Amino acid sequence: MVGSERCSRGKLLELEQLFLSAILACLAVLLADEMSKAT
């Protein structure tokens, strides 16, 4: 029981990291777009 809980928690963390990296990538693209517009 404890083992499965740990497994699901690990999956959740992995999903969270994926989500965060996706958001960061999106922000980076937006920032680059703004920079190219400014010049």
PDB file of N, CA and C in Angstrom:
ATOM      1  N   MET A   1       0.829  -1.195   0.000  1.00  0.00           N
ATOM      2  CA  MET A   1       0.000   0.000   0.000  1.00  0.00           C
ATOM      3  C   MET A   1       0.878   1.266   0.000  1.00  0.00           C
ATOM      4  N   VAL A   2       1.881   1.259   0.876  1.00  0.00           N
ATOM      5  CA  VAL A   2       2.761   2.418   0.970  1.00  0.00           C
ATOM      6  C   VAL A   2       3.562   2.584  -0.318  1.00  0.00           C
ATOM      7  N   GLY A   3       3.995   1.455  -0.888  1.00  0.00           N
ATOM      8  CA  GLY A   3       4.797   1.492  -2.106  1.00  0.00           C
ATOM      9  C   GLY A   3       4.037   2.130  -3.267  1.00  0.00           C
ATOM     10  N   SER A   4       2.744   1.756  -3.408  1.00  0.00           N
ATOM     11  CA  SER A   4       1.956   2.289  -4.519  1.00  0.00           C
ATOM     12  C   SER A   4       1.722   3.796  -4.347  1.00  0.00           C
ATOM     13  N   GLU A   5       1.583   4.212  -3.093  1.00  0.00           N
ATOM     14  CA  GLU A   5       1.364   5.637  -2.830  1.00  0.00           C
ATOM     15  C   GLU A   5       2.594   6.431  -3.253  1.00  0.00           C
ATOM     16  N   ARG A   6       3.741   5.872  -2.939  1.00  0.00           N
ATOM     17  CA  ARG A   6       4.997   6.542  -3.299  1.00  0.00           C
ATOM     18  C   ARG A   6       5.131   6.614  -4.824  1.00  0.00           C
ATOM     19  N   CYS A   7       4.700   5.556  -5.495  1.00  0.00           N
ATOM     20  CA  CYS A   7       4.791   5.494  -6.954  1.00  0.00           C
ATOM     21  C   CYS A   7       3.921   6.580  -7.585  1.00  0.00           C
ATOM     22  N   SER A   8       2.691   6.707  -7.116  1.00  0.00           N
ATOM     23  CA  SER A   8       1.779   7.708  -7.670  1.00  0.00           C
ATOM     24  C   SER A   8       2.290   9.119  -7.381  1.00  0.00           C
ATOM     25  N   ARG A   9       2.891   9.288  -6.216  1.00  0.00           N
ATOM     26  CA  ARG A   9       3.429  10.601  -5.861  1.00  0.00           C
ATOM     27  C   ARG A   9       4.583  10.958  -6.798  1.00  0.00           C
ATOM     28  N   GLY A  10       5.406   9.953  -7.133  1.00  0.00           N
ATOM     29  CA  GLY A  10       6.523  10.167  -8.055  1.00  0.00           C
ATOM     30  C   GLY A  10       6.018  10.563  -9.434  1.00  0.00           C
ATOM     31  N   LYS A  11       4.926   9.925  -9.860  1.00  0.00           N
ATOM     32  CA  LYS A  11       4.334  10.244 -11.160  1.00  0.00           C
ATOM     33  C   LYS A  11       3.814  11.669 -11.166  1.00  0.00           C
ATOM     34  N   LEU A  12       3.193  12.064 -10.068  1.00  0.00           N
ATOM     35  CA  LEU A  12       2.637  13.408  -9.954  1.00  0.00           C
ATOM     36  C   LEU A  12       3.750  14.444 -10.061  1.00  0.00           C
ATOM     37  N   LEU A  13       4.859  14.153  -9.381  1.00  0.00           N
ATOM     38  CA  LEU A  13       5.996  15.064  -9.395  1.00  0.00           C
ATOM     39  C   LEU A  13       6.543  15.186 -10.815  1.00  0.00           C
ATOM     40  N   GLU A  14       6.609  14.059 -11.514  1.00  0.00           N
ATOM     41  CA  GLU A  14       7.112  14.049 -12.887  1.00  0.00           C
ATOM     42  C   GLU A  14       6.214  14.904 -13.770  1.00  0.00           C
ATOM     43  N   LEU A  15       4.908  14.768 -13.565  1.00  0.00           N
ATOM     44  CA  LEU A  15       3.930  15.528 -14.337  1.00  0.00           C
ATOM     45  C   LEU A  15       4.087  17.016 -14.054  1.00  0.00           C
ATOM     46  N   GLU A  16       4.304  17.339 -12.765  1.00  0.00           N
ATOM     47  CA  GLU A  16       4.471  18.729 -12.361  1.00  0.00           C
ATOM     48  C   GLU A  16       5.685  19.348 -13.038  1.00  0.00           C
ATOM     49  N   GLN A  17       6.784  18.591 -13.069  1.00  0.00           N
ATOM     50  CA  GLN A  17       8.014  19.085 -13.687  1.00  0.00           C
ATOM     51  C   GLN A  17       7.800  19.309 -15.180  1.00  0.00           C
ATOM     52  N   LEU A  18       7.075  18.395 -15.815  1.00  0.00           N
ATOM     53  CA  LEU A  18       6.779  18.510 -17.237  1.00  0.00           C
ATOM     54  C   LEU A  18       5.957  19.773 -17.487  1.00  0.00           C
ATOM     55  N   PHE A  19       4.952  19.983 -16.628  1.00  0.00           N
ATOM     56  CA  PHE A  19       4.066  21.141 -16.723  1.00  0.00           C
ATOM     57  C   PHE A  19       4.860  22.436 -16.575  1.00  0.00           C
ATOM     58  N   LEU A  20       5.743  22.466 -15.563  1.00  0.00           N
ATOM     59  CA  LEU A  20       6.555  23.658 -15.315  1.00  0.00           C
ATOM     60  C   LEU A  20       7.484  23.949 -16.484  1.00  0.00           C
ATOM     61  N   SER A  21       8.121  22.926 -17.009  1.00  0.00           N
ATOM     62  CA  SER A  21       9.049  23.139 -18.125  1.00  0.00           C
ATOM     63  C   SER A  21       8.287  23.613 -19.364  1.00  0.00           C
ATOM     64  N   ALA A  22       7.062  23.138 -19.539  1.00  0.00           N
ATOM     65  CA  ALA A  22       6.252  23.575 -20.672  1.00  0.00           C
ATOM     66  C   ALA A  22       5.904  25.051 -20.535  1.00  0.00           C
ATOM     67  N   ILE A  23       5.551  25.470 -19.323  1.00  0.00           N
ATOM     68  CA  ILE A  23       5.223  26.871 -19.048  1.00  0.00           C
ATOM     69  C   ILE A  23       6.451  27.752 -19.281  1.00  0.00           C
ATOM     70  N   LEU A  24       7.602  27.277 -18.787  1.00  0.00           N
ATOM     71  CA  LEU A  24       8.841  28.044 -18.960  1.00  0.00           C
ATOM     72  C   LEU A  24       9.173  28.192 -20.435  1.00  0.00           C
ATOM     73  N   ALA A  25       8.986  27.131 -21.194  1.00  0.00           N
ATOM     74  CA  ALA A  25       9.271  27.181 -22.631  1.00  0.00           C
ATOM     75  C   ALA A  25       8.334  28.187 -23.300  1.00  0.00           C
ATOM     76  N   CYS A  26       7.087  28.180 -22.897  1.00  0.00           N
ATOM     77  CA  CYS A  26       6.099  29.109 -23.453  1.00  0.00           C
ATOM     78  C   CYS A  26       6.503  30.551 -23.143  1.00  0.00           C
ATOM     79  N   LEU A  27       6.896  30.797 -21.901  1.00  0.00           N
ATOM     80  CA  LEU A  27       7.327  32.137 -21.499  1.00  0.00           C
ATOM     81  C   LEU A  27       8.548  32.570 -22.287  1.00  0.00           C
ATOM     82  N   ALA A  28       9.474  31.651 -22.478  1.00  0.00           N
ATOM     83  CA  ALA A  28      10.695  31.968 -23.228  1.00  0.00           C
ATOM     84  C   ALA A  28      10.344  32.383 -24.648  1.00  0.00           C
ATOM     85  N   VAL A  29       9.399  31.669 -25.267  1.00  0.00           N
ATOM     86  CA  VAL A  29       8.979  31.991 -26.633  1.00  0.00           C
ATOM     87  C   VAL A  29       8.313  33.364 -26.670  1.00  0.00           C
ATOM     88  N   LEU A  30       7.439  33.625 -25.704  1.00  0.00           N
ATOM     89  CA  LEU A  30       6.764  34.925 -25.644  1.00  0.00           C
ATOM     90  C   LEU A  30       7.776  36.046 -25.470  1.00  0.00           C
ATOM     91  N   LEU A  31       8.733  35.827 -24.581  1.00  0.00           N
ATOM     92  CA  LEU A  31       9.765  36.823 -24.310  1.00  0.00           C
ATOM     93  C   LEU A  31      10.581  37.093 -25.575  1.00  0.00           C
ATOM     94  N   ALA A  32      10.966  36.039 -26.262  1.00  0.00           N
ATOM     95  CA  ALA A  32      11.740  36.185 -27.496  1.00  0.00           C
ATOM     96  C   ALA A  32      10.932  36.951 -28.539  1.00  0.00           C
ATOM     97  N   ASP A  33       9.634  36.687 -28.580  1.00  0.00           N
ATOM     98  CA  ASP A  33       8.755  37.365 -29.531  1.00  0.00           C
ATOM     99  C   ASP A  33       8.719  38.864 -29.233  1.00  0.00           C
ATOM    100  N   GLU A  34       8.592  39.195 -27.948  1.00  0.00           N
ATOM    101  CA  GLU A  34       8.572  40.600 -27.538  1.00  0.00           C
ATOM    102  C   GLU A  34       9.885  41.290 -27.882  1.00  0.00           C
ATOM    103  N   MET A  35      10.988  40.566 -27.676  1.00  0.00           N
ATOM    104  CA  MET A  35      12.309  41.121 -27.964  1.00  0.00           C
ATOM    105  C   MET A  35      12.437  41.421 -29.454  1.00  0.00           C
ATOM    106  N   SER A  36      11.977  40.501 -30.281  1.00  0.00           N
ATOM    107  CA  SER A  36      12.103  40.685 -31.731  1.00  0.00           C
ATOM    108  C   SER A  36      11.200  41.830 -32.200  1.00  0.00           C
ATOM    109  N   LYS A  37      10.081  42.037 -31.504  1.00  0.00           N
ATOM    110  CA  LYS A  37       9.185  43.138 -31.866  1.00  0.00           C
ATOM    111  C   LYS A  37       9.803  44.479 -31.480  1.00  0.00           C
ATOM    112  N   ALA A  38      10.488  44.488 -30.343  1.00  0.00           N
ATOM    113  CA  ALA A  38      11.058  45.726 -29.810  1.00  0.00           C
ATOM    114  C   ALA A  38      12.161  46.278 -30.711  1.00  0.00           C
ATOM    115  N   THR A  39      12.910  45.386 -31.330  1.00  0.00           N
ATOM    116  CA  THR A  39      14.034  45.864 -32.160  1.00  0.00           C
ATOM    117  C   THR A  39      13.547  46.377 -33.505  1.00  0.00           C
TER     118      THR A  39
END
